[in-house]
Amino acid sequence: MKRKHIITISGKPGSGKSSTADRVAELLGYTRHSSGDMVRKVLANSHMTLEEYNNQAETNHDLDDKVDEELRALRNKKDIVVDSRLGFYWIPESFKVYLDLDIETATARIFKDSVSNASRSSVGTSTSSLSEVSRQVRDRMQNEQERFRSLYGIDPYNREHFDLVINTSRNDAQSVAINVFDYYKQWLDAEVWEPVHTGVPLGYSFKNQY
């Protein structure tokens, strides 16, 4: 079977989608695309926080439409890695990766990142307390589930949509990226693919055959 040379990476907030996508693209020599970067840029220019956007997006879908159009256009490209919540939906023939983790670890990562990452700080991720960040994460996930069910009839956090599910709670982005790399190579050659769920062992490294 001739498969598309496209990887889409989705997952929960704080699961490491952006950093994993960066490393996977580097390992493969692919071009990286991110709907998150696009959204944050638009929000910064509009002087709007992500939380404000999520609240407005329940009735105003203009930004969703812009991002969706960009994602659909990527179906005609090759050798790309796409970091996007709905990449799996708009590019269904891609190798679809989902990064999972528990809410406590997600909260800690986002809290730390909001202090050090200027782009996230610029769109108003709260750094006041872990409990406030946890509330924002839960509200965001609920908002996105309700919005995308209404717009497209899908739950972006349903792991059944994906070819590879990785729990990233105990693993760094490099280990996760290497795992994605290995399974992607297998997927490219497979006639039939059974979805894989993995936690990625600590200390994972390249296999000798590559």
N, C-alpha and C. Protein backbone atom coordinates (compact mmCIF):
# COMPACT_ATOMS: atom_id res chain seq x y z
N MET A 1 0.84 -1.20 0.00
CA MET A 1 0.00 0.00 0.00
C MET A 1 0.88 1.25 0.00
N LYS A 2 0.56 2.18 -0.88
CA LYS A 2 1.28 3.45 -0.94
C LYS A 2 0.71 4.39 0.10
N ARG A 3 1.50 4.74 1.09
CA ARG A 3 1.01 5.59 2.17
C ARG A 3 1.56 7.01 2.05
N LYS A 4 0.80 7.97 2.55
CA LYS A 4 1.21 9.37 2.55
C LYS A 4 2.36 9.58 3.52
N HIS A 5 3.32 10.39 3.13
CA HIS A 5 4.43 10.73 4.01
C HIS A 5 4.04 11.96 4.83
N ILE A 6 3.02 11.76 5.67
CA ILE A 6 2.51 12.82 6.53
C ILE A 6 2.24 12.23 7.91
N ILE A 7 2.70 12.91 8.93
CA ILE A 7 2.42 12.53 10.31
C ILE A 7 1.61 13.65 10.95
N THR A 8 0.48 13.30 11.57
CA THR A 8 -0.28 14.29 12.34
C THR A 8 -0.18 13.92 13.82
N ILE A 9 0.10 14.92 14.64
CA ILE A 9 0.28 14.70 16.07
C ILE A 9 -0.76 15.51 16.83
N SER A 10 -1.56 14.81 17.60
CA SER A 10 -2.60 15.43 18.42
C SER A 10 -2.40 14.97 19.86
N GLY A 11 -3.32 15.37 20.75
CA GLY A 11 -3.21 14.92 22.13
C GLY A 11 -3.72 15.95 23.11
N LYS A 12 -3.56 15.64 24.38
CA LYS A 12 -4.04 16.51 25.44
C LYS A 12 -3.14 17.73 25.62
N PRO A 13 -3.67 18.82 26.18
CA PRO A 13 -2.82 19.96 26.51
C PRO A 13 -1.68 19.52 27.43
N GLY A 14 -0.47 20.01 27.15
CA GLY A 14 0.68 19.68 27.98
C GLY A 14 1.33 18.35 27.67
N SER A 15 0.83 17.63 26.66
CA SER A 15 1.37 16.30 26.38
C SER A 15 2.67 16.34 25.59
N GLY A 16 3.06 17.50 25.09
CA GLY A 16 4.33 17.62 24.37
C GLY A 16 4.19 17.57 22.87
N LYS A 17 3.04 17.97 22.35
CA LYS A 17 2.80 17.89 20.90
C LYS A 17 3.82 18.70 20.10
N SER A 18 4.03 19.95 20.51
CA SER A 18 4.92 20.84 19.75
C SER A 18 6.36 20.37 19.78
N SER A 19 6.86 20.05 20.98
CA SER A 19 8.26 19.63 21.09
C SER A 19 8.49 18.28 20.42
N THR A 20 7.51 17.39 20.50
CA THR A 20 7.63 16.10 19.82
C THR A 20 7.61 16.29 18.31
N ALA A 21 6.71 17.13 17.82
CA ALA A 21 6.64 17.39 16.38
C ALA A 21 7.95 17.97 15.86
N ASP A 22 8.55 18.88 16.62
CA ASP A 22 9.84 19.45 16.24
C ASP A 22 10.89 18.37 16.05
N ARG A 23 10.96 17.46 17.01
CA ARG A 23 12.01 16.43 16.98
C ARG A 23 11.74 15.37 15.93
N VAL A 24 10.47 15.01 15.73
CA VAL A 24 10.14 14.04 14.69
C VAL A 24 10.49 14.61 13.31
N ALA A 25 10.14 15.87 13.09
CA ALA A 25 10.46 16.50 11.81
C ALA A 25 11.97 16.55 11.59
N GLU A 26 12.72 16.80 12.67
CA GLU A 26 14.18 16.85 12.56
C GLU A 26 14.75 15.47 12.24
N LEU A 27 14.24 14.43 12.90
CA LEU A 27 14.71 13.07 12.66
C LEU A 27 14.48 12.63 11.21
N LEU A 28 13.34 13.04 10.65
CA LEU A 28 12.96 12.60 9.31
C LEU A 28 13.37 13.57 8.21
N GLY A 29 13.79 14.77 8.59
CA GLY A 29 14.08 15.79 7.58
C GLY A 29 12.81 16.33 6.95
N TYR A 30 11.69 16.30 7.70
CA TYR A 30 10.40 16.77 7.21
C TYR A 30 10.19 18.23 7.60
N THR A 31 9.21 18.86 6.97
CA THR A 31 8.79 20.22 7.32
C THR A 31 7.70 20.14 8.38
N ARG A 32 7.79 21.00 9.39
CA ARG A 32 6.83 21.00 10.48
C ARG A 32 5.80 22.10 10.31
N HIS A 33 4.54 21.77 10.56
CA HIS A 33 3.45 22.76 10.55
C HIS A 33 2.71 22.66 11.88
N SER A 34 2.25 23.81 12.39
CA SER A 34 1.57 23.83 13.68
C SER A 34 0.38 24.76 13.65
N SER A 35 -0.82 24.22 13.89
CA SER A 35 -1.99 25.08 13.99
C SER A 35 -1.95 25.88 15.29
N GLY A 36 -1.29 25.35 16.32
CA GLY A 36 -1.18 26.07 17.58
C GLY A 36 -0.39 27.36 17.43
N ASP A 37 0.71 27.31 16.66
CA ASP A 37 1.49 28.52 16.42
C ASP A 37 0.66 29.56 15.69
N MET A 38 -0.13 29.08 14.73
CA MET A 38 -0.97 29.98 13.96
C MET A 38 -2.02 30.65 14.85
N VAL A 39 -2.65 29.85 15.70
CA VAL A 39 -3.67 30.38 16.60
C VAL A 39 -3.07 31.40 17.56
N ARG A 40 -1.93 31.06 18.16
CA ARG A 40 -1.30 31.98 19.12
C ARG A 40 -0.91 33.30 18.48
N LYS A 41 -0.46 33.24 17.23
CA LYS A 41 -0.09 34.47 16.52
C LYS A 41 -1.31 35.35 16.30
N VAL A 42 -2.41 34.74 15.87
CA VAL A 42 -3.64 35.50 15.64
C VAL A 42 -4.15 36.09 16.95
N LEU A 43 -4.10 35.30 18.02
CA LEU A 43 -4.59 35.78 19.32
C LEU A 43 -3.75 36.94 19.83
N ALA A 44 -2.43 36.84 19.65
CA ALA A 44 -1.56 37.93 20.10
C ALA A 44 -1.86 39.21 19.33
N ASN A 45 -2.08 39.08 18.03
CA ASN A 45 -2.39 40.25 17.21
C ASN A 45 -3.76 40.84 17.56
N SER A 46 -4.65 39.98 18.05
CA SER A 46 -6.00 40.43 18.41
C SER A 46 -6.11 40.84 19.88
N HIS A 47 -5.00 40.72 20.61
CA HIS A 47 -4.98 41.04 22.05
C HIS A 47 -6.04 40.23 22.79
N MET A 48 -6.09 38.93 22.47
CA MET A 48 -7.07 38.04 23.05
C MET A 48 -6.36 36.85 23.69
N THR A 49 -6.80 36.41 24.87
CA THR A 49 -6.21 35.23 25.49
C THR A 49 -6.85 33.98 24.90
N LEU A 50 -6.18 32.85 25.11
CA LEU A 50 -6.73 31.59 24.63
C LEU A 50 -8.05 31.28 25.31
N GLU A 51 -8.13 31.58 26.58
CA GLU A 51 -9.38 31.33 27.32
C GLU A 51 -10.51 32.19 26.75
N GLU A 52 -10.21 33.45 26.42
CA GLU A 52 -11.23 34.32 25.82
C GLU A 52 -11.67 33.80 24.47
N TYR A 53 -10.69 33.33 23.69
CA TYR A 53 -11.04 32.78 22.38
C TYR A 53 -11.92 31.55 22.50
N ASN A 54 -11.55 30.64 23.42
CA ASN A 54 -12.35 29.43 23.59
C ASN A 54 -13.79 29.75 23.97
N ASN A 55 -13.97 30.79 24.78
CA ASN A 55 -15.32 31.19 25.16
C ASN A 55 -16.09 31.76 23.96
N GLN A 56 -15.41 32.60 23.16
CA GLN A 56 -16.07 33.20 21.99
C GLN A 56 -16.30 32.18 20.88
N ALA A 57 -15.40 31.18 20.81
CA ALA A 57 -15.48 30.21 19.72
C ALA A 57 -16.72 29.33 19.77
N GLU A 58 -17.43 29.35 20.92
CA GLU A 58 -18.66 28.58 21.01
C GLU A 58 -19.70 29.07 20.01
N THR A 59 -19.65 30.36 19.69
CA THR A 59 -20.63 30.92 18.74
C THR A 59 -19.97 31.53 17.50
N ASN A 60 -18.66 31.87 17.59
CA ASN A 60 -17.95 32.49 16.47
C ASN A 60 -16.87 31.53 15.99
N HIS A 61 -17.05 30.99 14.78
CA HIS A 61 -16.15 29.95 14.28
C HIS A 61 -15.17 30.47 13.23
N ASP A 62 -14.97 31.78 13.15
CA ASP A 62 -14.12 32.35 12.11
C ASP A 62 -12.69 31.82 12.20
N LEU A 63 -12.13 31.79 13.41
CA LEU A 63 -10.75 31.33 13.56
C LEU A 63 -10.65 29.83 13.27
N ASP A 64 -11.63 29.06 13.76
CA ASP A 64 -11.66 27.63 13.43
C ASP A 64 -11.64 27.41 11.93
N ASP A 65 -12.44 28.20 11.21
CA ASP A 65 -12.52 28.05 9.75
C ASP A 65 -11.18 28.35 9.09
N LYS A 66 -10.48 29.38 9.58
CA LYS A 66 -9.18 29.73 9.00
C LYS A 66 -8.16 28.62 9.21
N VAL A 67 -8.11 28.09 10.42
CA VAL A 67 -7.17 27.02 10.72
C VAL A 67 -7.53 25.76 9.94
N ASP A 68 -8.82 25.44 9.85
CA ASP A 68 -9.26 24.26 9.11
C ASP A 68 -8.87 24.33 7.64
N GLU A 69 -9.00 25.51 7.06
CA GLU A 69 -8.64 25.69 5.65
C GLU A 69 -7.15 25.42 5.43
N GLU A 70 -6.32 25.91 6.34
CA GLU A 70 -4.88 25.68 6.25
C GLU A 70 -4.56 24.18 6.38
N LEU A 71 -5.24 23.51 7.29
CA LEU A 71 -5.00 22.08 7.50
C LEU A 71 -5.41 21.26 6.28
N ARG A 72 -6.56 21.58 5.71
CA ARG A 72 -7.01 20.84 4.52
C ARG A 72 -6.03 20.98 3.37
N ALA A 73 -5.43 22.15 3.25
CA ALA A 73 -4.47 22.38 2.16
C ALA A 73 -3.22 21.52 2.30
N LEU A 74 -2.92 21.09 3.52
CA LEU A 74 -1.71 20.29 3.75
C LEU A 74 -1.84 18.87 3.21
N ARG A 75 -3.03 18.44 2.88
CA ARG A 75 -3.23 17.08 2.35
C ARG A 75 -2.48 16.88 1.04
N ASN A 76 -2.23 17.97 0.33
CA ASN A 76 -1.55 17.88 -0.96
C ASN A 76 -0.04 17.91 -0.85
N LYS A 77 0.48 18.03 0.37
CA LYS A 77 1.92 18.09 0.56
C LYS A 77 2.46 16.72 0.96
N LYS A 78 3.77 16.60 1.05
CA LYS A 78 4.39 15.37 1.50
C LYS A 78 5.61 15.71 2.36
N ASP A 79 6.06 14.71 3.10
CA ASP A 79 7.21 14.87 4.00
C ASP A 79 6.97 16.00 4.99
N ILE A 80 5.84 15.92 5.71
CA ILE A 80 5.51 16.95 6.69
C ILE A 80 5.06 16.30 8.01
N VAL A 81 5.25 17.06 9.09
CA VAL A 81 4.73 16.70 10.40
C VAL A 81 3.81 17.83 10.83
N VAL A 82 2.58 17.49 11.19
CA VAL A 82 1.56 18.48 11.51
C VAL A 82 1.16 18.35 12.98
N ASP A 83 1.42 19.39 13.74
CA ASP A 83 0.99 19.45 15.14
C ASP A 83 -0.34 20.18 15.18
N SER A 84 -1.42 19.42 15.38
CA SER A 84 -2.75 20.03 15.33
C SER A 84 -3.76 19.14 16.03
N ARG A 85 -4.65 19.76 16.80
CA ARG A 85 -5.69 19.00 17.49
C ARG A 85 -6.56 18.21 16.51
N LEU A 86 -6.85 18.80 15.34
CA LEU A 86 -7.73 18.14 14.37
C LEU A 86 -7.00 17.67 13.12
N GLY A 87 -5.68 17.57 13.19
CA GLY A 87 -4.94 17.09 12.02
C GLY A 87 -5.40 15.71 11.58
N PHE A 88 -5.68 14.83 12.53
CA PHE A 88 -6.12 13.47 12.21
C PHE A 88 -7.43 13.48 11.43
N TYR A 89 -8.25 14.48 11.68
CA TYR A 89 -9.57 14.56 11.05
C TYR A 89 -9.47 15.11 9.63
N TRP A 90 -8.68 16.17 9.45
CA TRP A 90 -8.58 16.81 8.14
C TRP A 90 -7.60 16.09 7.21
N ILE A 91 -6.70 15.29 7.79
CA ILE A 91 -5.76 14.51 6.97
C ILE A 91 -5.84 13.05 7.41
N PRO A 92 -6.95 12.38 7.14
CA PRO A 92 -7.18 11.04 7.68
C PRO A 92 -6.22 9.97 7.14
N GLU A 93 -5.58 10.25 6.01
CA GLU A 93 -4.64 9.28 5.44
C GLU A 93 -3.24 9.40 6.04
N SER A 94 -3.05 10.31 6.97
CA SER A 94 -1.77 10.50 7.63
C SER A 94 -1.52 9.40 8.67
N PHE A 95 -0.29 9.33 9.17
CA PHE A 95 0.02 8.49 10.33
C PHE A 95 -0.40 9.29 11.54
N LYS A 96 -1.45 8.85 12.22
CA LYS A 96 -2.14 9.66 13.23
C LYS A 96 -1.65 9.29 14.63
N VAL A 97 -1.00 10.25 15.28
CA VAL A 97 -0.39 10.03 16.59
C VAL A 97 -1.14 10.83 17.65
N TYR A 98 -1.40 10.19 18.79
CA TYR A 98 -2.05 10.86 19.92
C TYR A 98 -1.15 10.76 21.15
N LEU A 99 -0.87 11.91 21.77
CA LEU A 99 -0.05 11.95 22.98
C LEU A 99 -0.95 12.13 24.19
N ASP A 100 -0.86 11.21 25.11
CA ASP A 100 -1.74 11.17 26.27
C ASP A 100 -0.94 11.42 27.55
N LEU A 101 -1.60 11.87 28.61
CA LEU A 101 -1.01 11.99 29.93
C LEU A 101 -2.09 12.33 30.94
N ASP A 102 -1.75 12.20 32.23
CA ASP A 102 -2.71 12.50 33.28
C ASP A 102 -2.80 14.01 33.49
N ILE A 103 -3.92 14.46 34.05
CA ILE A 103 -4.19 15.88 34.20
C ILE A 103 -3.21 16.56 35.16
N GLU A 104 -2.72 15.83 36.16
CA GLU A 104 -1.79 16.42 37.11
C GLU A 104 -0.46 16.77 36.45
N THR A 105 0.06 15.84 35.65
CA THR A 105 1.31 16.10 34.94
C THR A 105 1.13 17.19 33.91
N ALA A 106 -0.01 17.18 33.22
CA ALA A 106 -0.30 18.23 32.24
C ALA A 106 -0.30 19.60 32.90
N THR A 107 -0.93 19.70 34.06
CA THR A 107 -1.00 20.97 34.78
C THR A 107 0.38 21.47 35.15
N ALA A 108 1.22 20.58 35.69
CA ALA A 108 2.57 20.97 36.10
C ALA A 108 3.39 21.45 34.91
N ARG A 109 3.28 20.74 33.77
CA ARG A 109 4.05 21.13 32.58
C ARG A 109 3.59 22.48 32.05
N ILE A 110 2.29 22.68 31.98
CA ILE A 110 1.77 23.94 31.43
C ILE A 110 2.10 25.11 32.35
N PHE A 111 2.02 24.89 33.64
CA PHE A 111 2.38 25.93 34.61
C PHE A 111 3.83 26.35 34.42
N LYS A 112 4.72 25.38 34.31
CA LYS A 112 6.14 25.67 34.11
C LYS A 112 6.38 26.37 32.78
N ASP A 113 5.70 25.87 31.73
CA ASP A 113 5.89 26.43 30.40
C ASP A 113 5.36 27.85 30.30
N SER A 114 4.29 28.14 31.02
CA SER A 114 3.70 29.48 30.95
C SER A 114 4.63 30.53 31.56
N VAL A 115 5.51 30.10 32.45
CA VAL A 115 6.48 31.02 33.05
C VAL A 115 7.63 31.31 32.10
N SER A 116 8.07 30.25 31.36
CA SER A 116 9.27 30.38 30.55
C SER A 116 9.02 30.63 29.06
N ASN A 117 7.80 30.32 28.57
CA ASN A 117 7.51 30.41 27.14
C ASN A 117 6.77 31.70 26.85
N ALA A 118 7.43 32.60 26.13
CA ALA A 118 6.86 33.94 25.87
C ALA A 118 5.59 33.87 25.05
N SER A 119 5.52 32.94 24.09
CA SER A 119 4.35 32.88 23.21
C SER A 119 3.12 32.45 24.00
N ARG A 120 3.29 31.54 24.95
CA ARG A 120 2.15 31.13 25.76
C ARG A 120 1.77 32.23 26.74
N SER A 121 2.75 32.90 27.31
CA SER A 121 2.44 33.99 28.23
C SER A 121 1.70 35.10 27.52
N SER A 122 2.02 35.34 26.26
CA SER A 122 1.42 36.46 25.53
C SER A 122 -0.06 36.25 25.27
N VAL A 123 -0.53 35.00 25.31
CA VAL A 123 -1.96 34.76 25.09
C VAL A 123 -2.68 34.49 26.40
N GLY A 124 -2.00 34.75 27.53
CA GLY A 124 -2.72 34.84 28.78
C GLY A 124 -2.90 33.57 29.57
N THR A 125 -2.00 32.57 29.43
CA THR A 125 -2.08 31.42 30.30
C THR A 125 -1.73 31.86 31.71
N SER A 126 -2.59 31.56 32.66
CA SER A 126 -2.39 32.04 34.02
C SER A 126 -1.22 31.35 34.70
N THR A 127 -0.40 32.11 35.43
CA THR A 127 0.68 31.54 36.21
C THR A 127 0.43 31.75 37.70
N SER A 128 -0.78 32.10 38.07
CA SER A 128 -1.07 32.45 39.46
C SER A 128 -0.99 31.24 40.39
N SER A 129 -1.42 30.07 39.95
CA SER A 129 -1.39 28.88 40.80
C SER A 129 -1.61 27.63 39.95
N LEU A 130 -1.19 26.50 40.50
CA LEU A 130 -1.41 25.23 39.81
C LEU A 130 -2.90 24.93 39.71
N SER A 131 -3.65 25.25 40.74
CA SER A 131 -5.09 24.97 40.71
C SER A 131 -5.80 25.77 39.61
N GLU A 132 -5.35 27.02 39.37
CA GLU A 132 -5.95 27.83 38.32
C GLU A 132 -5.60 27.27 36.95
N VAL A 133 -4.35 26.83 36.77
CA VAL A 133 -3.96 26.22 35.49
C VAL A 133 -4.75 24.93 35.26
N SER A 134 -4.93 24.14 36.32
CA SER A 134 -5.71 22.91 36.21
C SER A 134 -7.14 23.21 35.77
N ARG A 135 -7.73 24.25 36.33
CA ARG A 135 -9.08 24.64 35.93
C ARG A 135 -9.12 25.02 34.47
N GLN A 136 -8.13 25.81 34.03
CA GLN A 136 -8.08 26.24 32.64
C GLN A 136 -7.95 25.05 31.69
N VAL A 137 -7.11 24.08 32.06
CA VAL A 137 -6.91 22.90 31.21
C VAL A 137 -8.21 22.10 31.09
N ARG A 138 -8.88 21.87 32.21
CA ARG A 138 -10.14 21.12 32.19
C ARG A 138 -11.22 21.85 31.39
N ASP A 139 -11.30 23.18 31.61
CA ASP A 139 -12.29 23.97 30.87
C ASP A 139 -12.00 23.95 29.37
N ARG A 140 -10.73 24.05 29.02
CA ARG A 140 -10.35 24.05 27.61
C ARG A 140 -10.72 22.73 26.94
N MET A 141 -10.42 21.62 27.61
CA MET A 141 -10.74 20.32 27.03
C MET A 141 -12.24 20.14 26.87
N GLN A 142 -12.99 20.54 27.87
CA GLN A 142 -14.45 20.42 27.78
C GLN A 142 -15.00 21.31 26.67
N ASN A 143 -14.48 22.53 26.56
CA ASN A 143 -14.91 23.45 25.53
C ASN A 143 -14.64 22.87 24.14
N GLU A 144 -13.44 22.33 23.95
CA GLU A 144 -13.08 21.79 22.64
C GLU A 144 -13.90 20.55 22.31
N GLN A 145 -14.14 19.70 23.29
CA GLN A 145 -14.97 18.52 23.04
C GLN A 145 -16.37 18.92 22.60
N GLU A 146 -16.97 19.88 23.30
CA GLU A 146 -18.32 20.31 22.95
C GLU A 146 -18.33 21.01 21.60
N ARG A 147 -17.32 21.88 21.34
CA ARG A 147 -17.29 22.64 20.09
C ARG A 147 -17.09 21.73 18.88
N PHE A 148 -16.14 20.81 18.99
CA PHE A 148 -15.84 19.96 17.84
C PHE A 148 -16.90 18.89 17.61
N ARG A 149 -17.58 18.48 18.67
CA ARG A 149 -18.71 17.58 18.48
C ARG A 149 -19.81 18.30 17.72
N SER A 150 -20.04 19.57 18.08
CA SER A 150 -21.08 20.35 17.42
C SER A 150 -20.73 20.63 15.96
N LEU A 151 -19.46 20.99 15.71
CA LEU A 151 -19.04 21.37 14.35
C LEU A 151 -18.83 20.17 13.44
N TYR A 152 -18.18 19.11 13.98
CA TYR A 152 -17.73 18.02 13.11
C TYR A 152 -18.23 16.64 13.55
N GLY A 153 -18.87 16.56 14.71
CA GLY A 153 -19.35 15.28 15.19
C GLY A 153 -18.25 14.38 15.70
N ILE A 154 -17.14 14.96 16.19
CA ILE A 154 -16.02 14.15 16.68
C ILE A 154 -15.55 14.65 18.04
N ASP A 155 -14.94 13.73 18.79
CA ASP A 155 -14.28 14.07 20.05
C ASP A 155 -12.78 14.03 19.80
N PRO A 156 -12.08 15.18 19.88
CA PRO A 156 -10.65 15.20 19.57
C PRO A 156 -9.80 14.44 20.57
N TYR A 157 -10.39 14.06 21.70
CA TYR A 157 -9.64 13.33 22.73
C TYR A 157 -10.00 11.85 22.78
N ASN A 158 -10.69 11.37 21.77
CA ASN A 158 -11.02 9.94 21.68
C ASN A 158 -9.85 9.21 21.04
N ARG A 159 -9.19 8.36 21.79
CA ARG A 159 -7.97 7.70 21.32
C ARG A 159 -8.21 6.68 20.21
N GLU A 160 -9.48 6.33 19.98
CA GLU A 160 -9.78 5.34 18.94
C GLU A 160 -9.54 5.88 17.53
N HIS A 161 -9.35 7.19 17.40
CA HIS A 161 -9.13 7.78 16.07
C HIS A 161 -7.70 7.55 15.55
N PHE A 162 -6.79 7.04 16.38
CA PHE A 162 -5.37 7.17 16.09
C PHE A 162 -4.67 5.84 15.83
N ASP A 163 -3.57 5.93 15.06
CA ASP A 163 -2.74 4.77 14.74
C ASP A 163 -1.75 4.45 15.84
N LEU A 164 -1.33 5.48 16.56
CA LEU A 164 -0.35 5.30 17.64
C LEU A 164 -0.72 6.21 18.80
N VAL A 165 -0.85 5.63 19.99
CA VAL A 165 -1.15 6.38 21.21
C VAL A 165 0.02 6.20 22.17
N ILE A 166 0.60 7.31 22.61
CA ILE A 166 1.76 7.26 23.52
C ILE A 166 1.43 8.03 24.79
N ASN A 167 1.63 7.41 25.94
CA ASN A 167 1.52 8.11 27.21
C ASN A 167 2.85 8.79 27.49
N THR A 168 2.85 10.11 27.54
CA THR A 168 4.10 10.87 27.65
C THR A 168 4.42 11.29 29.08
N SER A 169 3.67 10.81 30.06
CA SER A 169 3.81 11.30 31.44
C SER A 169 5.23 11.12 31.98
N ARG A 170 5.88 10.01 31.66
CA ARG A 170 7.18 9.71 32.25
C ARG A 170 8.31 9.78 31.23
N ASN A 171 8.09 10.44 30.11
CA ASN A 171 9.09 10.41 29.04
C ASN A 171 9.33 11.79 28.46
N ASP A 172 10.58 12.04 28.06
CA ASP A 172 10.89 13.33 27.45
C ASP A 172 10.56 13.30 25.97
N ALA A 173 10.59 14.49 25.36
CA ALA A 173 10.17 14.63 23.96
C ALA A 173 11.05 13.82 23.01
N GLN A 174 12.34 13.71 23.31
CA GLN A 174 13.24 12.97 22.43
C GLN A 174 12.89 11.49 22.42
N SER A 175 12.61 10.90 23.58
CA SER A 175 12.22 9.49 23.64
C SER A 175 10.92 9.25 22.91
N VAL A 176 9.96 10.14 23.09
CA VAL A 176 8.68 10.01 22.41
C VAL A 176 8.86 10.14 20.90
N ALA A 177 9.68 11.10 20.48
CA ALA A 177 9.91 11.31 19.05
C ALA A 177 10.55 10.09 18.40
N ILE A 178 11.49 9.47 19.07
CA ILE A 178 12.13 8.27 18.54
C ILE A 178 11.12 7.14 18.41
N ASN A 179 10.22 7.05 19.39
CA ASN A 179 9.17 6.04 19.32
C ASN A 179 8.25 6.27 18.13
N VAL A 180 7.86 7.53 17.91
CA VAL A 180 7.04 7.88 16.75
C VAL A 180 7.78 7.51 15.46
N PHE A 181 9.05 7.86 15.41
CA PHE A 181 9.88 7.56 14.24
C PHE A 181 9.85 6.06 13.93
N ASP A 182 10.08 5.22 14.94
CA ASP A 182 10.12 3.78 14.73
C ASP A 182 8.80 3.23 14.21
N TYR A 183 7.70 3.61 14.86
CA TYR A 183 6.40 3.09 14.45
C TYR A 183 5.97 3.65 13.09
N TYR A 184 6.35 4.87 12.80
CA TYR A 184 6.03 5.45 11.49
C TYR A 184 6.71 4.66 10.38
N LYS A 185 7.96 4.28 10.57
CA LYS A 185 8.67 3.48 9.58
C LYS A 185 7.98 2.13 9.37
N GLN A 186 7.50 1.54 10.45
CA GLN A 186 6.77 0.27 10.32
C GLN A 186 5.44 0.48 9.59
N TRP A 187 4.76 1.57 9.92
CA TRP A 187 3.46 1.88 9.30
C TRP A 187 3.60 2.08 7.80
N LEU A 188 4.66 2.74 7.37
CA LEU A 188 4.87 2.98 5.94
C LEU A 188 4.95 1.68 5.14
N ASP A 189 5.51 0.65 5.76
CA ASP A 189 5.70 -0.62 5.06
C ASP A 189 4.58 -1.62 5.27
N ALA A 190 3.65 -1.31 6.19
CA ALA A 190 2.62 -2.28 6.55
C ALA A 190 1.46 -2.27 5.58
N GLU A 191 0.99 -3.45 5.21
CA GLU A 191 -0.21 -3.57 4.40
C GLU A 191 -1.46 -3.31 5.26
N VAL A 192 -1.43 -3.81 6.48
CA VAL A 192 -2.51 -3.63 7.43
C VAL A 192 -1.90 -3.13 8.74
N TRP A 193 -2.56 -2.17 9.37
CA TRP A 193 -2.02 -1.59 10.59
C TRP A 193 -3.01 -1.72 11.74
N GLU A 194 -2.54 -2.31 12.83
CA GLU A 194 -3.33 -2.39 14.06
C GLU A 194 -2.87 -1.27 14.99
N PRO A 195 -3.79 -0.46 15.52
CA PRO A 195 -3.39 0.64 16.40
C PRO A 195 -2.53 0.17 17.57
N VAL A 196 -1.55 0.99 17.92
CA VAL A 196 -0.59 0.66 18.97
C VAL A 196 -0.74 1.65 20.12
N HIS A 197 -0.76 1.14 21.35
CA HIS A 197 -0.77 1.98 22.55
C HIS A 197 0.50 1.66 23.33
N THR A 198 1.27 2.69 23.65
CA THR A 198 2.53 2.45 24.34
C THR A 198 2.83 3.55 25.33
N GLY A 199 3.63 3.21 26.35
CA GLY A 199 4.07 4.18 27.34
C GLY A 199 5.49 4.64 27.08
N VAL A 200 6.19 4.05 26.15
CA VAL A 200 7.58 4.33 25.81
C VAL A 200 8.49 4.08 27.01
N PRO A 201 9.28 3.00 27.00
CA PRO A 201 10.19 2.75 28.12
C PRO A 201 11.22 3.85 28.26
N LEU A 202 11.58 4.16 29.50
CA LEU A 202 12.64 5.15 29.73
C LEU A 202 13.95 4.62 29.16
N GLY A 203 14.74 5.52 28.56
CA GLY A 203 16.01 5.12 27.99
C GLY A 203 15.89 4.52 26.60
N TYR A 204 14.74 4.65 25.97
CA TYR A 204 14.52 4.10 24.63
C TYR A 204 15.49 4.74 23.64
N SER A 205 16.00 3.94 22.70
CA SER A 205 16.96 4.48 21.75
C SER A 205 16.70 3.89 20.36
N PHE A 206 17.41 4.41 19.37
CA PHE A 206 17.24 3.93 18.00
C PHE A 206 17.50 2.42 17.90
N LYS A 207 16.73 1.78 17.05
CA LYS A 207 16.99 0.37 16.75
C LYS A 207 18.07 0.29 15.69
N ASN A 208 18.84 -0.80 15.73
CA ASN A 208 20.01 -0.90 14.86
C ASN A 208 19.69 -0.93 13.38
N GLN A 209 18.47 -1.38 13.02
CA GLN A 209 18.19 -1.51 11.60
C GLN A 209 18.04 -0.19 10.89
N TYR A 210 17.95 0.94 11.60
CA TYR A 210 17.79 2.24 10.93
C TYR A 210 19.15 2.85 10.75
